[in-house]
Amino acid sequence: MRTIVLIVIVVLLVLFGILNINALTFPHTLSLGFVTYTGVPLGMILLLLGLVLALVFYFWAGVTGLRAQADSAKLLRDMEALRVSLDSQEGSRFAQLQTHIDQRLGTLETQMQAPKALGMGKELSASDLAATNARIDALQRDLNLQLAQLDDYLKRKLG
């Protein structure tokens, strides 16, 4: 879009210069304060100065756009690194949770196998243990599904 605008401006300036070549090349006296020039085509100088300014602002806008894109890319890289770090931390938490659950299930199995003489009170039946295992497996599948959905969402948003 910027390129099209620049091309339109240059074409208009060239067209203006061609149509008004006599006025642009008419000799004038130019004073810069410390020196005076006579017979200078002031109109042509102003036209060329406008063209140079248009080119300077075009390239300045291009550099500004590139800087913005570089900042966006850096931010996306930082966000991706943060997501990977959070995923690894979450994985270690799941490993700790799995270890705790395994220890707890081991304790429940030993309680179930322990004789009533130990004074444990109520024993757990095999069906209770199987139901607990099934519930834990269902929760783990649900949690893995939610994490996968969150990961897909972040990948879509980050590109």
N, C-alpha and C. Protein backbone atom coordinates (compact mmCIF):
# COMPACT_ATOMS: atom_id res chain seq x y z
N MET A 1 0.82 -1.19 0.00
CA MET A 1 0.00 0.00 0.00
C MET A 1 0.87 1.26 0.00
N ARG A 2 1.92 1.24 0.87
CA ARG A 2 2.82 2.40 0.90
C ARG A 2 3.50 2.60 -0.43
N THR A 3 3.86 1.49 -1.09
CA THR A 3 4.53 1.58 -2.38
C THR A 3 3.62 2.23 -3.42
N ILE A 4 2.37 1.85 -3.40
CA ILE A 4 1.42 2.43 -4.36
C ILE A 4 1.28 3.93 -4.11
N VAL A 5 1.19 4.33 -2.85
CA VAL A 5 1.07 5.75 -2.53
C VAL A 5 2.32 6.50 -3.00
N LEU A 6 3.50 5.91 -2.77
CA LEU A 6 4.74 6.56 -3.21
C LEU A 6 4.77 6.69 -4.73
N ILE A 7 4.38 5.67 -5.43
CA ILE A 7 4.36 5.72 -6.90
C ILE A 7 3.41 6.80 -7.38
N VAL A 8 2.24 6.90 -6.76
CA VAL A 8 1.27 7.92 -7.14
C VAL A 8 1.85 9.32 -6.90
N ILE A 9 2.51 9.52 -5.77
CA ILE A 9 3.10 10.82 -5.47
C ILE A 9 4.18 11.17 -6.48
N VAL A 10 5.06 10.22 -6.79
CA VAL A 10 6.13 10.48 -7.76
C VAL A 10 5.55 10.79 -9.14
N VAL A 11 4.56 10.03 -9.57
CA VAL A 11 3.95 10.28 -10.88
C VAL A 11 3.31 11.66 -10.91
N LEU A 12 2.61 12.03 -9.84
CA LEU A 12 1.99 13.35 -9.80
C LEU A 12 3.04 14.46 -9.83
N LEU A 13 4.15 14.28 -9.10
CA LEU A 13 5.21 15.28 -9.12
C LEU A 13 5.85 15.40 -10.50
N VAL A 14 6.08 14.27 -11.16
CA VAL A 14 6.67 14.29 -12.50
C VAL A 14 5.69 14.96 -13.48
N LEU A 15 4.43 14.62 -13.39
CA LEU A 15 3.42 15.24 -14.25
C LEU A 15 3.34 16.74 -14.02
N PHE A 16 3.37 17.15 -12.76
CA PHE A 16 3.37 18.56 -12.41
C PHE A 16 4.60 19.25 -12.98
N GLY A 17 5.75 18.60 -12.89
CA GLY A 17 6.99 19.17 -13.42
C GLY A 17 6.95 19.32 -14.93
N ILE A 18 6.42 18.32 -15.62
CA ILE A 18 6.34 18.38 -17.09
C ILE A 18 5.40 19.48 -17.54
N LEU A 19 4.25 19.62 -16.87
CA LEU A 19 3.26 20.62 -17.26
C LEU A 19 3.74 22.05 -16.95
N ASN A 20 4.59 22.19 -15.97
CA ASN A 20 5.03 23.52 -15.54
C ASN A 20 6.55 23.68 -15.66
N ILE A 21 7.14 23.13 -16.69
CA ILE A 21 8.58 23.18 -16.84
C ILE A 21 9.11 24.61 -16.96
N ASN A 22 8.35 25.50 -17.63
CA ASN A 22 8.80 26.90 -17.78
C ASN A 22 8.83 27.61 -16.43
N ALA A 23 7.81 27.41 -15.62
CA ALA A 23 7.77 28.08 -14.31
C ALA A 23 8.80 27.50 -13.36
N LEU A 24 9.05 26.19 -13.46
CA LEU A 24 10.00 25.55 -12.55
C LEU A 24 11.45 25.93 -12.87
N THR A 25 11.74 26.22 -14.13
CA THR A 25 13.11 26.55 -14.51
C THR A 25 13.35 28.05 -14.61
N PHE A 26 12.36 28.85 -14.26
CA PHE A 26 12.53 30.29 -14.32
C PHE A 26 13.59 30.71 -13.30
N PRO A 27 14.56 31.55 -13.69
CA PRO A 27 15.64 31.92 -12.78
C PRO A 27 15.16 32.89 -11.69
N HIS A 28 15.58 32.58 -10.47
CA HIS A 28 15.25 33.40 -9.30
C HIS A 28 16.53 33.69 -8.53
N THR A 29 16.43 34.62 -7.61
CA THR A 29 17.53 34.91 -6.70
C THR A 29 17.27 34.14 -5.41
N LEU A 30 18.27 33.36 -4.98
CA LEU A 30 18.13 32.51 -3.80
C LEU A 30 19.11 32.99 -2.74
N SER A 31 18.60 33.34 -1.56
CA SER A 31 19.44 33.80 -0.46
C SER A 31 19.37 32.78 0.67
N LEU A 32 20.51 32.29 1.09
CA LEU A 32 20.58 31.33 2.20
C LEU A 32 21.02 32.01 3.50
N GLY A 33 21.08 33.30 3.51
CA GLY A 33 21.46 34.03 4.71
C GLY A 33 22.92 34.45 4.68
N PHE A 34 23.80 33.56 4.37
CA PHE A 34 25.23 33.88 4.33
C PHE A 34 25.76 33.96 2.90
N VAL A 35 24.99 33.52 1.94
CA VAL A 35 25.37 33.58 0.54
C VAL A 35 24.13 33.79 -0.32
N THR A 36 24.28 34.47 -1.44
CA THR A 36 23.17 34.72 -2.36
C THR A 36 23.53 34.20 -3.74
N TYR A 37 22.57 33.44 -4.31
CA TYR A 37 22.75 32.88 -5.67
C TYR A 37 21.76 33.57 -6.60
N THR A 38 22.20 33.86 -7.79
CA THR A 38 21.29 34.45 -8.78
C THR A 38 21.11 33.49 -9.94
N GLY A 39 19.95 33.53 -10.54
CA GLY A 39 19.66 32.68 -11.70
C GLY A 39 19.46 31.21 -11.34
N VAL A 40 18.91 30.94 -10.16
CA VAL A 40 18.68 29.56 -9.70
C VAL A 40 17.23 29.17 -10.01
N PRO A 41 17.02 27.95 -10.56
CA PRO A 41 15.63 27.51 -10.81
C PRO A 41 14.98 27.03 -9.50
N LEU A 42 14.44 27.96 -8.74
CA LEU A 42 13.90 27.68 -7.41
C LEU A 42 12.75 26.66 -7.45
N GLY A 43 11.90 26.75 -8.44
CA GLY A 43 10.78 25.80 -8.56
C GLY A 43 11.27 24.36 -8.70
N MET A 44 12.31 24.16 -9.50
CA MET A 44 12.86 22.81 -9.69
C MET A 44 13.49 22.30 -8.40
N ILE A 45 14.17 23.19 -7.67
CA ILE A 45 14.77 22.79 -6.39
C ILE A 45 13.68 22.36 -5.42
N LEU A 46 12.60 23.11 -5.32
CA LEU A 46 11.51 22.75 -4.41
C LEU A 46 10.83 21.44 -4.83
N LEU A 47 10.67 21.24 -6.12
CA LEU A 47 10.07 20.00 -6.61
C LEU A 47 10.94 18.80 -6.26
N LEU A 48 12.24 18.92 -6.48
CA LEU A 48 13.16 17.82 -6.14
C LEU A 48 13.24 17.60 -4.63
N LEU A 49 13.16 18.67 -3.86
CA LEU A 49 13.15 18.54 -2.40
C LEU A 49 11.91 17.78 -1.93
N GLY A 50 10.76 18.07 -2.54
CA GLY A 50 9.54 17.32 -2.21
C GLY A 50 9.67 15.85 -2.54
N LEU A 51 10.29 15.55 -3.67
CA LEU A 51 10.50 14.15 -4.06
C LEU A 51 11.43 13.44 -3.08
N VAL A 52 12.50 14.11 -2.69
CA VAL A 52 13.45 13.52 -1.73
C VAL A 52 12.77 13.29 -0.39
N LEU A 53 11.97 14.25 0.07
CA LEU A 53 11.26 14.08 1.34
C LEU A 53 10.28 12.91 1.28
N ALA A 54 9.59 12.75 0.17
CA ALA A 54 8.66 11.62 0.01
C ALA A 54 9.42 10.30 0.11
N LEU A 55 10.58 10.22 -0.54
CA LEU A 55 11.38 8.99 -0.48
C LEU A 55 11.91 8.73 0.93
N VAL A 56 12.36 9.78 1.61
CA VAL A 56 12.85 9.61 2.98
C VAL A 56 11.75 9.09 3.89
N PHE A 57 10.57 9.67 3.82
CA PHE A 57 9.48 9.21 4.67
C PHE A 57 9.01 7.80 4.29
N TYR A 58 9.09 7.45 3.04
CA TYR A 58 8.73 6.09 2.61
C TYR A 58 9.67 5.07 3.24
N PHE A 59 10.97 5.33 3.15
CA PHE A 59 11.93 4.38 3.73
C PHE A 59 11.89 4.39 5.25
N TRP A 60 11.61 5.53 5.83
CA TRP A 60 11.49 5.61 7.29
C TRP A 60 10.30 4.77 7.76
N ALA A 61 9.19 4.86 7.05
CA ALA A 61 8.01 4.04 7.40
C ALA A 61 8.32 2.55 7.22
N GLY A 62 9.10 2.21 6.19
CA GLY A 62 9.49 0.81 5.99
C GLY A 62 10.33 0.28 7.13
N VAL A 63 11.28 1.07 7.58
CA VAL A 63 12.14 0.65 8.69
C VAL A 63 11.32 0.52 9.97
N THR A 64 10.40 1.44 10.18
CA THR A 64 9.53 1.38 11.36
C THR A 64 8.67 0.11 11.33
N GLY A 65 8.15 -0.24 10.16
CA GLY A 65 7.36 -1.47 10.02
C GLY A 65 8.20 -2.70 10.28
N LEU A 66 9.43 -2.71 9.80
CA LEU A 66 10.32 -3.86 10.05
C LEU A 66 10.64 -3.99 11.53
N ARG A 67 10.85 -2.87 12.20
CA ARG A 67 11.11 -2.93 13.65
C ARG A 67 9.90 -3.50 14.39
N ALA A 68 8.70 -3.09 14.00
CA ALA A 68 7.49 -3.59 14.65
C ALA A 68 7.35 -5.10 14.42
N GLN A 69 7.64 -5.55 13.21
CA GLN A 69 7.57 -6.99 12.92
C GLN A 69 8.61 -7.76 13.72
N ALA A 70 9.81 -7.20 13.86
CA ALA A 70 10.85 -7.86 14.64
C ALA A 70 10.46 -7.95 16.11
N ASP A 71 9.85 -6.89 16.64
CA ASP A 71 9.38 -6.91 18.03
C ASP A 71 8.28 -7.96 18.22
N SER A 72 7.38 -8.03 17.26
CA SER A 72 6.31 -9.04 17.34
C SER A 72 6.87 -10.45 17.29
N ALA A 73 7.84 -10.67 16.42
CA ALA A 73 8.45 -12.00 16.32
C ALA A 73 9.17 -12.36 17.62
N LYS A 74 9.86 -11.40 18.21
CA LYS A 74 10.55 -11.65 19.48
C LYS A 74 9.55 -11.98 20.58
N LEU A 75 8.45 -11.23 20.62
CA LEU A 75 7.42 -11.49 21.62
C LEU A 75 6.81 -12.88 21.44
N LEU A 76 6.56 -13.29 20.20
CA LEU A 76 6.02 -14.62 19.94
C LEU A 76 7.01 -15.71 20.34
N ARG A 77 8.32 -15.49 20.07
CA ARG A 77 9.33 -16.47 20.51
C ARG A 77 9.36 -16.57 22.03
N ASP A 78 9.29 -15.43 22.71
CA ASP A 78 9.29 -15.44 24.17
C ASP A 78 8.06 -16.16 24.72
N MET A 79 6.90 -15.92 24.09
CA MET A 79 5.68 -16.58 24.54
C MET A 79 5.75 -18.09 24.31
N GLU A 80 6.34 -18.51 23.20
CA GLU A 80 6.48 -19.94 22.92
C GLU A 80 7.43 -20.58 23.93
N ALA A 81 8.52 -19.90 24.25
CA ALA A 81 9.46 -20.43 25.26
C ALA A 81 8.77 -20.53 26.62
N LEU A 82 7.96 -19.54 26.96
CA LEU A 82 7.22 -19.58 28.22
C LEU A 82 6.23 -20.73 28.22
N ARG A 83 5.55 -20.95 27.10
CA ARG A 83 4.59 -22.06 27.01
C ARG A 83 5.29 -23.40 27.19
N VAL A 84 6.45 -23.57 26.55
CA VAL A 84 7.21 -24.82 26.69
C VAL A 84 7.65 -25.01 28.13
N SER A 85 8.11 -23.93 28.75
CA SER A 85 8.54 -24.01 30.15
C SER A 85 7.38 -24.40 31.06
N LEU A 86 6.23 -23.77 30.84
CA LEU A 86 5.05 -24.10 31.65
C LEU A 86 4.59 -25.53 31.41
N ASP A 87 4.67 -25.99 30.17
CA ASP A 87 4.31 -27.38 29.87
C ASP A 87 5.22 -28.35 30.61
N SER A 88 6.52 -28.06 30.63
CA SER A 88 7.45 -28.97 31.32
C SER A 88 7.21 -28.95 32.82
N GLN A 89 6.92 -27.77 33.38
CA GLN A 89 6.62 -27.70 34.80
C GLN A 89 5.33 -28.45 35.12
N GLU A 90 4.35 -28.32 34.25
CA GLU A 90 3.09 -29.03 34.45
C GLU A 90 3.31 -30.53 34.36
N GLY A 91 4.18 -30.97 33.44
CA GLY A 91 4.50 -32.39 33.33
C GLY A 91 5.14 -32.93 34.59
N SER A 92 6.03 -32.14 35.20
CA SER A 92 6.66 -32.61 36.44
C SER A 92 5.63 -32.67 37.57
N ARG A 93 4.69 -31.73 37.57
CA ARG A 93 3.63 -31.78 38.59
C ARG A 93 2.76 -33.02 38.40
N PHE A 94 2.47 -33.36 37.14
CA PHE A 94 1.69 -34.56 36.89
C PHE A 94 2.45 -35.81 37.32
N ALA A 95 3.75 -35.81 37.10
CA ALA A 95 4.55 -36.95 37.53
C ALA A 95 4.50 -37.08 39.06
N GLN A 96 4.60 -35.96 39.77
CA GLN A 96 4.50 -35.99 41.23
C GLN A 96 3.12 -36.46 41.67
N LEU A 97 2.10 -36.00 41.00
CA LEU A 97 0.74 -36.42 41.32
C LEU A 97 0.57 -37.92 41.07
N GLN A 98 1.11 -38.40 39.96
CA GLN A 98 1.03 -39.83 39.66
C GLN A 98 1.75 -40.65 40.73
N THR A 99 2.92 -40.19 41.17
CA THR A 99 3.66 -40.89 42.22
C THR A 99 2.84 -40.91 43.51
N HIS A 100 2.25 -39.77 43.86
CA HIS A 100 1.43 -39.72 45.07
C HIS A 100 0.24 -40.65 44.96
N ILE A 101 -0.41 -40.67 43.82
CA ILE A 101 -1.56 -41.55 43.63
C ILE A 101 -1.14 -43.01 43.71
N ASP A 102 -0.01 -43.34 43.10
CA ASP A 102 0.48 -44.72 43.16
C ASP A 102 0.78 -45.13 44.60
N GLN A 103 1.39 -44.21 45.36
CA GLN A 103 1.67 -44.52 46.77
C GLN A 103 0.36 -44.71 47.54
N ARG A 104 -0.60 -43.86 47.26
CA ARG A 104 -1.89 -43.96 47.95
C ARG A 104 -2.60 -45.26 47.59
N LEU A 105 -2.55 -45.64 46.31
CA LEU A 105 -3.17 -46.90 45.90
C LEU A 105 -2.45 -48.09 46.53
N GLY A 106 -1.14 -47.99 46.63
CA GLY A 106 -0.38 -49.05 47.29
C GLY A 106 -0.80 -49.19 48.74
N THR A 107 -1.00 -48.05 49.40
CA THR A 107 -1.45 -48.07 50.79
C THR A 107 -2.83 -48.69 50.89
N LEU A 108 -3.72 -48.35 49.96
CA LEU A 108 -5.07 -48.92 49.97
C LEU A 108 -5.04 -50.42 49.72
N GLU A 109 -4.14 -50.87 48.84
CA GLU A 109 -4.04 -52.31 48.57
C GLU A 109 -3.52 -53.06 49.79
N THR A 110 -2.56 -52.46 50.47
CA THR A 110 -2.05 -53.14 51.68
C THR A 110 -3.12 -53.16 52.77
N GLN A 111 -3.92 -52.10 52.86
CA GLN A 111 -5.01 -52.09 53.84
C GLN A 111 -6.06 -53.14 53.49
N MET A 112 -6.29 -53.32 52.19
CA MET A 112 -7.28 -54.29 51.78
C MET A 112 -6.81 -55.72 52.07
N GLN A 113 -5.52 -55.93 51.95
CA GLN A 113 -4.98 -57.26 52.16
C GLN A 113 -4.66 -57.54 53.62
N ALA A 114 -4.62 -56.50 54.43
CA ALA A 114 -4.30 -56.69 55.85
C ALA A 114 -5.46 -57.39 56.55
N PRO A 115 -5.17 -58.26 57.48
CA PRO A 115 -6.26 -58.96 58.22
C PRO A 115 -7.01 -58.00 59.13
N LYS A 116 -8.20 -58.36 59.45
CA LYS A 116 -9.04 -57.53 60.32
C LYS A 116 -8.47 -57.48 61.72
N ALA A 117 -7.62 -58.38 62.03
CA ALA A 117 -7.06 -58.45 63.37
C ALA A 117 -6.17 -57.24 63.68
N LEU A 118 -5.71 -56.55 62.67
CA LEU A 118 -4.85 -55.39 62.91
C LEU A 118 -5.65 -54.19 63.41
N GLY A 119 -6.93 -54.30 63.41
CA GLY A 119 -7.76 -53.20 63.91
C GLY A 119 -7.92 -52.08 62.90
N MET A 120 -7.83 -52.40 61.64
CA MET A 120 -7.97 -51.38 60.59
C MET A 120 -9.42 -50.95 60.43
N GLY A 121 -10.27 -51.68 61.01
CA GLY A 121 -11.68 -51.34 60.88
C GLY A 121 -12.23 -51.94 59.60
N LYS A 122 -12.78 -51.14 58.76
CA LYS A 122 -13.44 -51.59 57.55
C LYS A 122 -12.41 -51.85 56.46
N GLU A 123 -12.45 -53.02 55.84
CA GLU A 123 -11.57 -53.35 54.72
C GLU A 123 -12.18 -52.86 53.42
N LEU A 124 -11.30 -52.55 52.47
CA LEU A 124 -11.78 -52.17 51.15
C LEU A 124 -11.93 -53.42 50.30
N SER A 125 -12.96 -53.49 49.56
CA SER A 125 -13.17 -54.64 48.69
C SER A 125 -12.44 -54.41 47.36
N ALA A 126 -12.27 -55.45 46.58
CA ALA A 126 -11.61 -55.36 45.29
C ALA A 126 -12.42 -54.49 44.32
N SER A 127 -13.73 -54.54 44.45
CA SER A 127 -14.57 -53.71 43.57
C SER A 127 -14.40 -52.23 43.89
N ASP A 128 -14.23 -51.89 45.18
CA ASP A 128 -13.98 -50.50 45.56
C ASP A 128 -12.65 -50.02 44.98
N LEU A 129 -11.65 -50.86 45.04
CA LEU A 129 -10.34 -50.50 44.50
C LEU A 129 -10.41 -50.35 42.98
N ALA A 130 -11.11 -51.24 42.32
CA ALA A 130 -11.26 -51.15 40.87
C ALA A 130 -12.03 -49.88 40.47
N ALA A 131 -13.05 -49.56 41.25
CA ALA A 131 -13.82 -48.34 40.97
C ALA A 131 -12.95 -47.10 41.16
N THR A 132 -12.12 -47.11 42.20
CA THR A 132 -11.21 -45.97 42.43
C THR A 132 -10.21 -45.85 41.29
N ASN A 133 -9.65 -46.99 40.86
CA ASN A 133 -8.70 -46.98 39.74
C ASN A 133 -9.37 -46.46 38.46
N ALA A 134 -10.60 -46.89 38.20
CA ALA A 134 -11.32 -46.45 37.01
C ALA A 134 -11.57 -44.94 37.08
N ARG A 135 -11.94 -44.46 38.25
CA ARG A 135 -12.19 -43.02 38.42
C ARG A 135 -10.90 -42.22 38.19
N ILE A 136 -9.80 -42.69 38.71
CA ILE A 136 -8.51 -42.00 38.53
C ILE A 136 -8.12 -42.00 37.06
N ASP A 137 -8.30 -43.12 36.38
CA ASP A 137 -7.99 -43.19 34.95
C ASP A 137 -8.86 -42.22 34.14
N ALA A 138 -10.15 -42.13 34.48
CA ALA A 138 -11.05 -41.21 33.79
C ALA A 138 -10.62 -39.76 34.02
N LEU A 139 -10.24 -39.44 35.25
CA LEU A 139 -9.77 -38.08 35.54
C LEU A 139 -8.48 -37.77 34.79
N GLN A 140 -7.61 -38.75 34.69
CA GLN A 140 -6.34 -38.53 33.98
C GLN A 140 -6.60 -38.31 32.48
N ARG A 141 -7.50 -39.10 31.89
CA ARG A 141 -7.84 -38.90 30.47
C ARG A 141 -8.46 -37.52 30.25
N ASP A 142 -9.35 -37.11 31.14
CA ASP A 142 -9.99 -35.80 31.03
C ASP A 142 -8.96 -34.68 31.14
N LEU A 143 -8.05 -34.82 32.07
CA LEU A 143 -7.01 -33.81 32.25
C LEU A 143 -6.08 -33.75 31.04
N ASN A 144 -5.71 -34.90 30.49
CA ASN A 144 -4.88 -34.92 29.28
C ASN A 144 -5.60 -34.28 28.10
N LEU A 145 -6.90 -34.52 27.98
CA LEU A 145 -7.68 -33.92 26.90
C LEU A 145 -7.73 -32.40 27.05
N GLN A 146 -7.94 -31.91 28.27
CA GLN A 146 -7.98 -30.47 28.49
C GLN A 146 -6.63 -29.83 28.20
N LEU A 147 -5.55 -30.50 28.57
CA LEU A 147 -4.21 -29.96 28.27
C LEU A 147 -3.95 -29.94 26.77
N ALA A 148 -4.39 -30.96 26.07
CA ALA A 148 -4.20 -30.98 24.62
C ALA A 148 -5.00 -29.86 23.96
N GLN A 149 -6.21 -29.61 24.43
CA GLN A 149 -7.01 -28.52 23.89
C GLN A 149 -6.36 -27.17 24.18
N LEU A 150 -5.82 -27.00 25.37
CA LEU A 150 -5.13 -25.76 25.72
C LEU A 150 -3.89 -25.57 24.85
N ASP A 151 -3.17 -26.64 24.60
CA ASP A 151 -1.98 -26.59 23.76
C ASP A 151 -2.36 -26.21 22.32
N ASP A 152 -3.42 -26.80 21.79
CA ASP A 152 -3.88 -26.46 20.44
C ASP A 152 -4.32 -25.01 20.35
N TYR A 153 -5.01 -24.53 21.38
CA TYR A 153 -5.46 -23.13 21.40
C TYR A 153 -4.26 -22.19 21.38
N LEU A 154 -3.25 -22.46 22.21
CA LEU A 154 -2.07 -21.60 22.25
C LEU A 154 -1.31 -21.64 20.92
N LYS A 155 -1.22 -22.81 20.31
CA LYS A 155 -0.52 -22.90 19.02
C LYS A 155 -1.25 -22.11 17.95
N ARG A 156 -2.59 -22.14 17.97
CA ARG A 156 -3.37 -21.36 17.00
C ARG A 156 -3.16 -19.87 17.22
N LYS A 157 -3.15 -19.43 18.47
CA LYS A 157 -3.02 -18.01 18.75
C LYS A 157 -1.61 -17.51 18.49
N LEU A 158 -0.61 -18.35 18.73
CA LEU A 158 0.78 -17.93 18.54
C LEU A 158 1.25 -18.12 17.12
N GLY A 159 0.50 -18.80 16.32
CA GLY A 159 0.86 -18.95 14.92
C GLY A 159 1.58 -20.21 14.75
